[in-house]
N, C-alpha and C. Protein backbone atom coordinates (compact mmCIF):
# COMPACT_ATOMS: atom_id res chain seq x y z
N MET A 1 6.39 22.99 -20.29
CA MET A 1 6.94 21.68 -19.97
C MET A 1 7.41 21.67 -18.51
N THR A 2 7.30 20.55 -17.87
CA THR A 2 7.69 20.46 -16.48
C THR A 2 9.21 20.50 -16.34
N SER A 3 9.70 20.68 -15.11
CA SER A 3 11.13 20.67 -14.87
C SER A 3 11.72 19.30 -15.20
N VAL A 4 10.96 18.23 -14.99
CA VAL A 4 11.43 16.89 -15.35
C VAL A 4 11.63 16.80 -16.85
N GLY A 5 10.65 17.27 -17.61
CA GLY A 5 10.78 17.27 -19.06
C GLY A 5 11.95 18.10 -19.53
N ASP A 6 12.13 19.27 -18.93
CA ASP A 6 13.26 20.13 -19.30
C ASP A 6 14.59 19.44 -19.03
N ALA A 7 14.69 18.81 -17.86
CA ALA A 7 15.94 18.17 -17.47
C ALA A 7 16.30 17.03 -18.42
N TYR A 8 15.33 16.22 -18.79
CA TYR A 8 15.60 15.12 -19.71
C TYR A 8 15.82 15.62 -21.14
N SER A 9 15.14 16.68 -21.52
CA SER A 9 15.34 17.23 -22.87
C SER A 9 16.79 17.69 -23.05
N LYS A 10 17.36 18.28 -22.02
CA LYS A 10 18.74 18.78 -22.11
C LYS A 10 19.76 17.65 -22.23
N ARG A 11 19.41 16.47 -21.73
CA ARG A 11 20.35 15.36 -21.71
C ARG A 11 19.87 14.16 -22.51
N ALA A 12 18.91 14.40 -23.41
CA ALA A 12 18.29 13.29 -24.14
C ALA A 12 19.31 12.50 -24.95
N GLY A 13 20.19 13.19 -25.68
CA GLY A 13 21.18 12.49 -26.49
C GLY A 13 22.09 11.62 -25.65
N GLU A 14 22.55 12.17 -24.55
CA GLU A 14 23.41 11.42 -23.62
C GLU A 14 22.68 10.21 -23.05
N TYR A 15 21.42 10.40 -22.70
CA TYR A 15 20.62 9.32 -22.11
C TYR A 15 20.40 8.20 -23.11
N VAL A 16 20.04 8.55 -24.35
CA VAL A 16 19.82 7.54 -25.39
C VAL A 16 21.09 6.73 -25.62
N ALA A 17 22.23 7.41 -25.70
CA ALA A 17 23.50 6.72 -25.94
C ALA A 17 23.86 5.77 -24.81
N ALA A 18 23.58 6.16 -23.57
CA ALA A 18 23.98 5.36 -22.42
C ALA A 18 22.99 4.25 -22.09
N LEU A 19 21.69 4.52 -22.25
CA LEU A 19 20.67 3.60 -21.75
C LEU A 19 19.60 3.23 -22.76
N GLY A 20 19.77 3.60 -24.00
CA GLY A 20 18.71 3.44 -24.98
C GLY A 20 18.71 2.16 -25.77
N THR A 21 19.36 1.12 -25.28
CA THR A 21 19.35 -0.18 -25.96
C THR A 21 19.06 -1.28 -24.95
N MET A 22 18.63 -2.42 -25.45
CA MET A 22 18.37 -3.55 -24.56
C MET A 22 19.65 -4.13 -23.98
N GLU A 23 20.77 -3.84 -24.58
CA GLU A 23 22.04 -4.30 -24.03
C GLU A 23 22.33 -3.67 -22.67
N SER A 24 21.73 -2.52 -22.40
CA SER A 24 21.94 -1.84 -21.11
C SER A 24 20.98 -2.35 -20.03
N VAL A 25 20.09 -3.26 -20.41
CA VAL A 25 19.05 -3.74 -19.49
C VAL A 25 19.52 -5.01 -18.78
N HIS A 26 19.24 -5.10 -17.50
CA HIS A 26 19.57 -6.29 -16.74
C HIS A 26 18.77 -7.48 -17.26
N ALA A 27 19.40 -8.63 -17.36
CA ALA A 27 18.75 -9.83 -17.91
C ALA A 27 17.50 -10.22 -17.13
N ASP A 28 17.53 -10.06 -15.82
CA ASP A 28 16.35 -10.40 -15.01
C ASP A 28 15.17 -9.50 -15.35
N ASP A 29 15.45 -8.22 -15.58
CA ASP A 29 14.38 -7.28 -15.95
C ASP A 29 13.82 -7.63 -17.32
N ARG A 30 14.68 -7.94 -18.25
CA ARG A 30 14.24 -8.31 -19.60
C ARG A 30 13.31 -9.52 -19.55
N GLU A 31 13.68 -10.51 -18.76
CA GLU A 31 12.85 -11.72 -18.66
C GLU A 31 11.51 -11.42 -17.99
N LEU A 32 11.54 -10.64 -16.90
CA LEU A 32 10.32 -10.32 -16.16
C LEU A 32 9.35 -9.52 -17.01
N VAL A 33 9.83 -8.45 -17.63
CA VAL A 33 8.95 -7.60 -18.43
C VAL A 33 8.44 -8.36 -19.65
N GLY A 34 9.32 -9.11 -20.30
CA GLY A 34 8.90 -9.86 -21.48
C GLY A 34 7.83 -10.88 -21.17
N GLU A 35 7.99 -11.60 -20.06
CA GLU A 35 7.00 -12.60 -19.68
C GLU A 35 5.66 -11.95 -19.34
N TRP A 36 5.73 -10.82 -18.62
CA TRP A 36 4.49 -10.12 -18.26
C TRP A 36 3.75 -9.64 -19.51
N ALA A 37 4.46 -8.98 -20.41
CA ALA A 37 3.81 -8.36 -21.56
C ALA A 37 3.23 -9.39 -22.52
N THR A 38 3.92 -10.48 -22.73
CA THR A 38 3.40 -11.48 -23.66
C THR A 38 2.21 -12.23 -23.07
N GLY A 39 1.94 -12.03 -21.79
CA GLY A 39 0.75 -12.60 -21.18
C GLY A 39 -0.45 -11.66 -21.21
N ILE A 40 -0.29 -10.47 -21.76
CA ILE A 40 -1.39 -9.50 -21.86
C ILE A 40 -2.09 -9.69 -23.20
N ALA A 41 -3.39 -9.90 -23.16
CA ALA A 41 -4.17 -10.12 -24.38
C ALA A 41 -4.84 -8.81 -24.78
N GLY A 42 -4.13 -8.01 -25.56
CA GLY A 42 -4.69 -6.74 -26.00
C GLY A 42 -3.63 -5.65 -26.05
N ARG A 43 -4.10 -4.42 -26.18
CA ARG A 43 -3.22 -3.27 -26.38
C ARG A 43 -2.48 -2.90 -25.10
N VAL A 44 -1.18 -2.64 -25.24
CA VAL A 44 -0.33 -2.25 -24.11
C VAL A 44 0.26 -0.88 -24.38
N LEU A 45 0.36 -0.07 -23.34
CA LEU A 45 1.00 1.23 -23.43
C LEU A 45 2.26 1.23 -22.59
N ASP A 46 3.39 1.60 -23.21
CA ASP A 46 4.66 1.79 -22.50
C ASP A 46 4.72 3.25 -22.10
N VAL A 47 4.38 3.52 -20.85
CA VAL A 47 4.23 4.89 -20.36
C VAL A 47 5.57 5.40 -19.85
N GLY A 48 6.00 6.56 -20.38
CA GLY A 48 7.33 7.05 -20.06
C GLY A 48 8.37 6.19 -20.74
N CYS A 49 8.19 5.97 -22.02
CA CYS A 49 9.00 5.00 -22.77
C CYS A 49 10.43 5.45 -22.99
N GLY A 50 10.74 6.73 -22.73
CA GLY A 50 12.10 7.21 -22.92
C GLY A 50 12.60 6.96 -24.32
N PRO A 51 13.79 6.36 -24.49
CA PRO A 51 14.35 6.14 -25.82
C PRO A 51 13.59 5.13 -26.67
N GLY A 52 12.63 4.42 -26.06
CA GLY A 52 11.76 3.54 -26.84
C GLY A 52 12.25 2.12 -27.01
N HIS A 53 13.35 1.75 -26.36
CA HIS A 53 13.91 0.42 -26.58
C HIS A 53 13.03 -0.69 -26.00
N TRP A 54 12.41 -0.44 -24.84
CA TRP A 54 11.50 -1.43 -24.29
C TRP A 54 10.29 -1.62 -25.20
N THR A 55 9.75 -0.54 -25.72
CA THR A 55 8.60 -0.63 -26.61
C THR A 55 8.95 -1.47 -27.83
N HIS A 56 10.11 -1.20 -28.41
CA HIS A 56 10.56 -1.95 -29.58
C HIS A 56 10.78 -3.43 -29.23
N PHE A 57 11.41 -3.69 -28.11
CA PHE A 57 11.65 -5.07 -27.67
C PHE A 57 10.35 -5.85 -27.58
N LEU A 58 9.34 -5.26 -26.98
CA LEU A 58 8.07 -5.96 -26.82
C LEU A 58 7.32 -6.07 -28.15
N HIS A 59 7.45 -5.06 -28.98
CA HIS A 59 6.86 -5.12 -30.32
C HIS A 59 7.42 -6.32 -31.09
N THR A 60 8.72 -6.56 -31.00
CA THR A 60 9.33 -7.68 -31.72
C THR A 60 8.88 -9.02 -31.15
N ARG A 61 8.32 -9.02 -29.96
CA ARG A 61 7.79 -10.24 -29.35
C ARG A 61 6.31 -10.42 -29.61
N GLY A 62 5.75 -9.57 -30.46
CA GLY A 62 4.36 -9.72 -30.86
C GLY A 62 3.36 -8.98 -30.01
N VAL A 63 3.83 -8.10 -29.13
CA VAL A 63 2.92 -7.34 -28.27
C VAL A 63 2.38 -6.14 -29.05
N ASP A 64 1.07 -5.90 -28.96
CA ASP A 64 0.43 -4.73 -29.56
C ASP A 64 0.70 -3.55 -28.64
N ILE A 65 1.74 -2.79 -28.93
CA ILE A 65 2.24 -1.79 -27.97
C ILE A 65 2.51 -0.46 -28.63
N GLU A 66 2.33 0.60 -27.84
CA GLU A 66 2.65 1.97 -28.23
C GLU A 66 3.46 2.59 -27.10
N GLY A 67 4.43 3.44 -27.45
CA GLY A 67 5.22 4.13 -26.44
C GLY A 67 4.84 5.60 -26.36
N VAL A 68 4.75 6.13 -25.13
CA VAL A 68 4.48 7.55 -24.95
C VAL A 68 5.50 8.11 -23.96
N ASP A 69 5.87 9.36 -24.18
CA ASP A 69 6.80 10.03 -23.27
C ASP A 69 6.57 11.52 -23.33
N LEU A 70 6.89 12.20 -22.24
CA LEU A 70 6.77 13.66 -22.16
C LEU A 70 7.83 14.37 -22.99
N VAL A 71 8.97 13.73 -23.16
CA VAL A 71 10.13 14.39 -23.77
C VAL A 71 10.11 14.19 -25.28
N ARG A 72 9.94 15.28 -26.01
CA ARG A 72 9.83 15.20 -27.47
C ARG A 72 11.10 14.64 -28.11
N ALA A 73 12.25 14.94 -27.53
CA ALA A 73 13.50 14.44 -28.10
C ALA A 73 13.58 12.92 -28.00
N PHE A 74 13.05 12.34 -26.94
CA PHE A 74 13.00 10.88 -26.84
C PHE A 74 12.09 10.29 -27.91
N ILE A 75 10.93 10.90 -28.09
CA ILE A 75 9.99 10.38 -29.09
C ILE A 75 10.57 10.50 -30.49
N ALA A 76 11.23 11.61 -30.78
CA ALA A 76 11.85 11.78 -32.10
C ALA A 76 12.93 10.72 -32.33
N SER A 77 13.75 10.48 -31.32
CA SER A 77 14.79 9.47 -31.43
C SER A 77 14.19 8.08 -31.62
N ALA A 78 13.16 7.75 -30.84
CA ALA A 78 12.54 6.44 -30.94
C ALA A 78 11.93 6.22 -32.31
N ARG A 79 11.27 7.23 -32.85
CA ARG A 79 10.66 7.10 -34.19
C ARG A 79 11.71 6.88 -35.26
N THR A 80 12.88 7.50 -35.08
CA THR A 80 13.96 7.33 -36.05
C THR A 80 14.60 5.95 -35.93
N ARG A 81 14.84 5.52 -34.73
CA ARG A 81 15.53 4.24 -34.53
C ARG A 81 14.62 3.03 -34.71
N PHE A 82 13.34 3.21 -34.39
CA PHE A 82 12.38 2.09 -34.46
C PHE A 82 11.13 2.52 -35.23
N PRO A 83 11.26 2.77 -36.53
CA PRO A 83 10.16 3.36 -37.29
C PRO A 83 8.92 2.47 -37.40
N GLU A 84 9.06 1.20 -37.14
CA GLU A 84 7.91 0.29 -37.25
C GLU A 84 7.04 0.29 -36.00
N VAL A 85 7.44 1.02 -34.97
CA VAL A 85 6.71 1.04 -33.70
C VAL A 85 6.02 2.40 -33.53
N ARG A 86 4.88 2.41 -32.85
CA ARG A 86 4.12 3.64 -32.62
C ARG A 86 4.64 4.36 -31.38
N TYR A 87 4.91 5.66 -31.53
CA TYR A 87 5.33 6.51 -30.42
C TYR A 87 4.62 7.85 -30.51
N ARG A 88 4.34 8.46 -29.37
CA ARG A 88 3.76 9.80 -29.36
C ARG A 88 4.08 10.48 -28.04
N VAL A 89 3.90 11.80 -28.01
CA VAL A 89 4.13 12.60 -26.81
C VAL A 89 2.88 12.58 -25.93
N ALA A 90 3.07 12.30 -24.66
CA ALA A 90 1.97 12.37 -23.69
C ALA A 90 2.57 12.39 -22.29
N ALA A 91 1.84 12.98 -21.36
CA ALA A 91 2.26 13.03 -19.96
C ALA A 91 1.65 11.87 -19.18
N LEU A 92 2.29 11.51 -18.07
CA LEU A 92 1.81 10.38 -17.27
C LEU A 92 0.38 10.57 -16.79
N ASP A 93 0.02 11.79 -16.47
CA ASP A 93 -1.31 12.05 -15.92
C ASP A 93 -2.32 12.51 -16.96
N ALA A 94 -1.95 12.43 -18.24
CA ALA A 94 -2.85 12.82 -19.33
C ALA A 94 -2.48 12.00 -20.56
N LEU A 95 -2.93 10.76 -20.60
CA LEU A 95 -2.49 9.81 -21.63
C LEU A 95 -3.26 9.94 -22.94
N ASP A 96 -4.32 10.76 -22.95
CA ASP A 96 -5.07 11.03 -24.18
C ASP A 96 -5.62 9.74 -24.80
N LEU A 97 -6.28 8.95 -23.97
CA LEU A 97 -6.94 7.73 -24.41
C LEU A 97 -8.34 7.69 -23.83
N ARG A 98 -9.22 6.98 -24.51
CA ARG A 98 -10.57 6.80 -23.96
C ARG A 98 -10.50 5.87 -22.75
N ASP A 99 -11.54 5.88 -21.95
CA ASP A 99 -11.62 4.98 -20.80
C ASP A 99 -11.55 3.53 -21.25
N ALA A 100 -10.83 2.71 -20.48
CA ALA A 100 -10.76 1.26 -20.70
C ALA A 100 -10.21 0.90 -22.08
N ALA A 101 -9.30 1.72 -22.59
CA ALA A 101 -8.76 1.48 -23.93
C ALA A 101 -7.65 0.43 -23.95
N LEU A 102 -7.08 0.12 -22.79
CA LEU A 102 -5.88 -0.69 -22.73
C LEU A 102 -6.09 -2.00 -21.98
N ALA A 103 -5.30 -3.00 -22.38
CA ALA A 103 -5.25 -4.26 -21.63
C ALA A 103 -4.07 -4.27 -20.67
N GLY A 104 -3.06 -3.43 -20.93
CA GLY A 104 -1.89 -3.41 -20.07
C GLY A 104 -1.17 -2.08 -20.10
N VAL A 105 -0.53 -1.73 -18.99
CA VAL A 105 0.32 -0.55 -18.88
C VAL A 105 1.66 -0.99 -18.32
N LEU A 106 2.73 -0.67 -19.06
CA LEU A 106 4.09 -0.83 -18.56
C LEU A 106 4.58 0.53 -18.10
N SER A 107 4.92 0.63 -16.83
CA SER A 107 5.46 1.87 -16.27
C SER A 107 6.81 1.53 -15.67
N TRP A 108 7.83 1.54 -16.54
CA TRP A 108 9.16 1.08 -16.12
C TRP A 108 9.99 2.28 -15.70
N TYR A 109 9.99 2.57 -14.40
CA TYR A 109 10.72 3.69 -13.82
C TYR A 109 10.20 5.04 -14.32
N SER A 110 9.00 5.08 -14.87
CA SER A 110 8.47 6.34 -15.38
C SER A 110 7.89 7.21 -14.28
N THR A 111 7.59 6.64 -13.12
CA THR A 111 7.01 7.44 -12.03
C THR A 111 8.03 7.86 -10.99
N ILE A 112 9.32 7.59 -11.23
CA ILE A 112 10.32 7.84 -10.18
C ILE A 112 10.47 9.31 -9.83
N HIS A 113 10.11 10.22 -10.74
CA HIS A 113 10.22 11.65 -10.47
C HIS A 113 8.90 12.26 -10.01
N THR A 114 7.87 11.44 -9.88
CA THR A 114 6.56 11.95 -9.48
C THR A 114 6.54 12.21 -7.98
N PRO A 115 6.26 13.44 -7.55
CA PRO A 115 6.19 13.71 -6.11
C PRO A 115 5.13 12.82 -5.45
N PRO A 116 5.37 12.38 -4.24
CA PRO A 116 4.42 11.46 -3.58
C PRO A 116 2.98 11.96 -3.58
N GLU A 117 2.79 13.26 -3.43
CA GLU A 117 1.42 13.79 -3.40
C GLU A 117 0.73 13.73 -4.75
N ARG A 118 1.49 13.48 -5.83
CA ARG A 118 0.92 13.37 -7.17
C ARG A 118 0.81 11.92 -7.66
N MET A 119 1.36 10.98 -6.90
CA MET A 119 1.38 9.60 -7.36
C MET A 119 -0.02 9.05 -7.58
N GLY A 120 -0.94 9.37 -6.69
CA GLY A 120 -2.31 8.89 -6.84
C GLY A 120 -2.97 9.37 -8.12
N VAL A 121 -2.67 10.61 -8.51
CA VAL A 121 -3.23 11.16 -9.75
C VAL A 121 -2.76 10.34 -10.95
N VAL A 122 -1.47 10.04 -10.98
CA VAL A 122 -0.90 9.26 -12.09
C VAL A 122 -1.48 7.85 -12.12
N LEU A 123 -1.54 7.20 -10.96
CA LEU A 123 -2.04 5.83 -10.93
C LEU A 123 -3.52 5.77 -11.29
N ARG A 124 -4.28 6.77 -10.92
CA ARG A 124 -5.70 6.79 -11.31
C ARG A 124 -5.86 6.98 -12.81
N GLU A 125 -4.94 7.73 -13.43
CA GLU A 125 -4.98 7.86 -14.89
C GLU A 125 -4.67 6.52 -15.56
N PHE A 126 -3.69 5.78 -15.02
CA PHE A 126 -3.43 4.44 -15.54
C PHE A 126 -4.69 3.58 -15.42
N ALA A 127 -5.32 3.63 -14.25
CA ALA A 127 -6.51 2.81 -14.02
C ALA A 127 -7.65 3.21 -14.95
N ARG A 128 -7.81 4.50 -15.18
CA ARG A 128 -8.88 4.97 -16.08
C ARG A 128 -8.72 4.38 -17.47
N CYS A 129 -7.49 4.30 -17.94
CA CYS A 129 -7.23 3.85 -19.31
C CYS A 129 -7.24 2.33 -19.44
N LEU A 130 -7.18 1.62 -18.34
CA LEU A 130 -7.18 0.16 -18.37
C LEU A 130 -8.59 -0.40 -18.31
N GLU A 131 -8.81 -1.47 -19.05
CA GLU A 131 -10.07 -2.20 -18.93
C GLU A 131 -10.09 -2.93 -17.59
N PRO A 132 -11.27 -3.27 -17.07
CA PRO A 132 -11.33 -4.06 -15.84
C PRO A 132 -10.53 -5.35 -16.00
N GLY A 133 -9.69 -5.63 -15.03
CA GLY A 133 -8.82 -6.80 -15.12
C GLY A 133 -7.53 -6.55 -15.86
N GLY A 134 -7.35 -5.32 -16.38
CA GLY A 134 -6.13 -4.98 -17.11
C GLY A 134 -4.91 -4.99 -16.20
N GLY A 135 -3.74 -5.27 -16.78
CA GLY A 135 -2.52 -5.42 -16.00
C GLY A 135 -1.64 -4.19 -15.97
N LEU A 136 -0.94 -4.01 -14.88
CA LEU A 136 0.05 -2.94 -14.71
C LEU A 136 1.34 -3.54 -14.19
N LEU A 137 2.45 -3.20 -14.82
CA LEU A 137 3.77 -3.57 -14.32
C LEU A 137 4.51 -2.28 -14.01
N LEU A 138 4.88 -2.10 -12.76
CA LEU A 138 5.45 -0.84 -12.28
C LEU A 138 6.84 -1.09 -11.72
N GLY A 139 7.86 -0.51 -12.37
CA GLY A 139 9.23 -0.60 -11.89
C GLY A 139 9.62 0.69 -11.19
N PHE A 140 10.39 0.59 -10.10
CA PHE A 140 10.70 1.78 -9.31
C PHE A 140 11.94 1.53 -8.46
N PHE A 141 12.45 2.59 -7.85
CA PHE A 141 13.55 2.47 -6.89
C PHE A 141 12.94 2.17 -5.52
N GLU A 142 13.41 1.10 -4.91
CA GLU A 142 12.81 0.61 -3.68
C GLU A 142 13.65 1.00 -2.47
N GLY A 143 12.96 1.27 -1.37
CA GLY A 143 13.63 1.60 -0.12
C GLY A 143 12.72 1.37 1.06
N PRO A 144 13.19 1.58 2.27
CA PRO A 144 12.37 1.31 3.45
C PRO A 144 11.23 2.31 3.66
N ALA A 145 11.30 3.45 2.99
CA ALA A 145 10.27 4.48 3.14
C ALA A 145 10.28 5.37 1.90
N ILE A 146 9.27 6.22 1.78
CA ILE A 146 9.25 7.20 0.70
C ILE A 146 10.36 8.21 0.99
N GLU A 147 11.26 8.37 0.02
CA GLU A 147 12.43 9.21 0.27
C GLU A 147 12.88 9.88 -1.03
N ARG A 148 13.07 11.17 -0.99
CA ARG A 148 13.60 11.92 -2.12
C ARG A 148 15.12 11.75 -2.18
N PHE A 149 15.67 11.63 -3.39
CA PHE A 149 17.13 11.55 -3.52
C PHE A 149 17.57 12.23 -4.81
N ASP A 150 18.86 12.49 -4.91
CA ASP A 150 19.41 13.17 -6.08
C ASP A 150 19.72 12.15 -7.16
N HIS A 151 18.86 12.12 -8.17
CA HIS A 151 19.03 11.27 -9.34
C HIS A 151 19.99 11.98 -10.30
N ALA A 152 20.60 11.23 -11.22
CA ALA A 152 21.57 11.81 -12.15
C ALA A 152 20.97 12.92 -13.01
N VAL A 153 19.68 12.85 -13.30
CA VAL A 153 19.05 13.84 -14.18
C VAL A 153 18.29 14.89 -13.38
N VAL A 154 17.40 14.44 -12.51
CA VAL A 154 16.57 15.35 -11.71
C VAL A 154 16.09 14.57 -10.50
N ALA A 155 15.73 15.27 -9.43
CA ALA A 155 15.35 14.63 -8.18
C ALA A 155 14.32 13.52 -8.39
N ALA A 156 14.50 12.41 -7.67
CA ALA A 156 13.62 11.26 -7.78
C ALA A 156 13.23 10.77 -6.39
N TYR A 157 12.42 9.71 -6.35
CA TYR A 157 11.89 9.20 -5.08
C TYR A 157 12.02 7.69 -5.00
N ARG A 158 12.39 7.22 -3.83
CA ARG A 158 12.30 5.80 -3.50
C ARG A 158 10.94 5.55 -2.84
N TRP A 159 10.43 4.35 -3.02
CA TRP A 159 9.18 3.94 -2.38
C TRP A 159 9.37 2.58 -1.72
N SER A 160 8.72 2.37 -0.62
CA SER A 160 8.64 1.03 -0.06
C SER A 160 7.54 0.27 -0.78
N PHE A 161 7.64 -1.05 -0.76
CA PHE A 161 6.57 -1.86 -1.35
C PHE A 161 5.24 -1.57 -0.68
N GLU A 162 5.27 -1.40 0.64
CA GLU A 162 4.03 -1.18 1.38
C GLU A 162 3.36 0.12 0.98
N ALA A 163 4.14 1.20 0.89
CA ALA A 163 3.56 2.50 0.57
C ALA A 163 3.03 2.55 -0.85
N LEU A 164 3.80 2.00 -1.80
CA LEU A 164 3.35 2.05 -3.19
C LEU A 164 2.18 1.11 -3.41
N SER A 165 2.17 -0.02 -2.74
CA SER A 165 1.02 -0.93 -2.85
C SER A 165 -0.25 -0.26 -2.32
N ALA A 166 -0.12 0.51 -1.25
CA ALA A 166 -1.28 1.23 -0.71
C ALA A 166 -1.81 2.25 -1.71
N GLU A 167 -0.90 2.96 -2.38
CA GLU A 167 -1.32 3.92 -3.42
C GLU A 167 -2.04 3.20 -4.55
N LEU A 168 -1.53 2.06 -4.94
CA LEU A 168 -2.15 1.28 -6.02
C LEU A 168 -3.55 0.81 -5.62
N ARG A 169 -3.68 0.30 -4.44
CA ARG A 169 -5.01 -0.15 -4.00
C ARG A 169 -5.99 1.01 -3.96
N SER A 170 -5.53 2.16 -3.50
CA SER A 170 -6.40 3.34 -3.45
C SER A 170 -6.83 3.79 -4.84
N ALA A 171 -5.98 3.54 -5.84
CA ALA A 171 -6.27 3.94 -7.22
C ALA A 171 -7.12 2.92 -7.96
N GLY A 172 -7.42 1.79 -7.33
CA GLY A 172 -8.30 0.81 -7.96
C GLY A 172 -7.61 -0.45 -8.45
N PHE A 173 -6.41 -0.72 -7.93
CA PHE A 173 -5.66 -1.91 -8.35
C PHE A 173 -5.59 -2.93 -7.22
N ASP A 174 -5.45 -4.19 -7.61
CA ASP A 174 -5.08 -5.25 -6.69
C ASP A 174 -3.64 -5.64 -6.98
N VAL A 175 -2.82 -5.71 -5.95
CA VAL A 175 -1.42 -6.10 -6.11
C VAL A 175 -1.34 -7.62 -6.16
N GLU A 176 -0.71 -8.13 -7.23
CA GLU A 176 -0.63 -9.57 -7.42
C GLU A 176 0.73 -10.15 -7.05
N ALA A 177 1.80 -9.39 -7.25
CA ALA A 177 3.14 -9.90 -6.96
C ALA A 177 4.11 -8.74 -6.82
N THR A 178 5.18 -8.98 -6.10
CA THR A 178 6.27 -8.01 -5.98
C THR A 178 7.60 -8.72 -6.22
N HIS A 179 8.54 -7.97 -6.75
CA HIS A 179 9.88 -8.50 -7.02
C HIS A 179 10.90 -7.46 -6.59
N ALA A 180 11.99 -7.92 -5.99
CA ALA A 180 13.06 -7.02 -5.57
C ALA A 180 14.37 -7.50 -6.16
N ARG A 181 15.22 -6.54 -6.50
CA ARG A 181 16.55 -6.88 -7.00
C ARG A 181 17.53 -5.83 -6.49
N ALA A 182 18.62 -6.28 -5.91
CA ALA A 182 19.65 -5.37 -5.41
C ALA A 182 20.98 -5.73 -6.04
N ASP A 183 21.57 -4.78 -6.76
CA ASP A 183 22.88 -4.95 -7.36
C ASP A 183 23.90 -4.19 -6.54
N ARG A 184 25.09 -4.70 -6.46
CA ARG A 184 26.15 -4.04 -5.70
C ARG A 184 26.44 -2.65 -6.28
N GLU A 185 26.31 -2.51 -7.61
CA GLU A 185 26.69 -1.26 -8.27
C GLU A 185 25.56 -0.24 -8.35
N SER A 186 24.33 -0.60 -7.95
CA SER A 186 23.22 0.32 -8.16
C SER A 186 22.24 0.28 -6.99
N ARG A 187 21.25 1.16 -7.06
CA ARG A 187 20.24 1.24 -6.01
C ARG A 187 19.33 0.02 -6.05
N PRO A 188 18.69 -0.33 -4.92
CA PRO A 188 17.71 -1.42 -4.92
C PRO A 188 16.54 -1.12 -5.86
N HIS A 189 16.13 -2.14 -6.58
CA HIS A 189 15.04 -2.02 -7.55
C HIS A 189 13.82 -2.78 -7.05
N GLY A 190 12.65 -2.25 -7.34
CA GLY A 190 11.40 -2.93 -7.01
C GLY A 190 10.49 -3.00 -8.21
N VAL A 191 9.69 -4.06 -8.27
CA VAL A 191 8.68 -4.22 -9.30
C VAL A 191 7.39 -4.68 -8.64
N ILE A 192 6.29 -4.07 -9.03
CA ILE A 192 4.97 -4.49 -8.57
C ILE A 192 4.14 -4.89 -9.78
N VAL A 193 3.56 -6.07 -9.71
CA VAL A 193 2.60 -6.54 -10.71
C VAL A 193 1.21 -6.34 -10.11
N ALA A 194 0.38 -5.58 -10.81
CA ALA A 194 -0.95 -5.25 -10.30
C ALA A 194 -1.99 -5.43 -11.40
N ARG A 195 -3.23 -5.48 -10.98
CA ARG A 195 -4.33 -5.63 -11.92
C ARG A 195 -5.46 -4.69 -11.53
N LYS A 196 -6.05 -4.03 -12.54
CA LYS A 196 -7.17 -3.14 -12.24
C LYS A 196 -8.34 -3.95 -11.69
N ARG A 197 -8.85 -3.48 -10.58
CA ARG A 197 -9.93 -4.18 -9.91
C ARG A 197 -11.15 -4.28 -10.83
N ASP A 198 -11.70 -5.45 -10.91
CA ASP A 198 -12.88 -5.70 -11.75
C ASP A 198 -14.13 -5.37 -10.94
N ILE A 199 -14.54 -4.10 -11.07
CA ILE A 199 -15.65 -3.61 -10.24
C ILE A 199 -16.98 -3.94 -10.90
């Protein structure tokens, strides 16, 4: 298991208790993700689903969705708390799906610990699993440049919209929209809405 997986495994219970419900989610994020997902016609994968609350939220809105995460403790917790939803263990760069199996990928802060030199590998795996025209919603910590910082669990990275959009285009996506949100109490947040290029 990677150091990221180890770090989250050690604090999984604490993380679920603090952030594992929709009550901990900002209302703007809930609206944005919900609107995006209900506009996807087909199967959606919540990549890096963590405690599984986003997967469950979208499932209750009628989205055909499955959650995957590297951390087995998160998947076990999600299966217990939300038994009607599908969850399984998988890594960001090895989703164990056939090509073009998905209509949408939700990556909500799941790539924040991915080193910049590995981001292209992860995004290409997302693209491989998406059908042409499939949608991607990517949430991340936003900043003026790519920058490593000390996250509460394990080191993470900020990305600028320009740098992450360039990585997405290189991986086969077209960027359709960007959203920024800055709270006084937390780091700046960024969201990119992208679509797999219809080649």
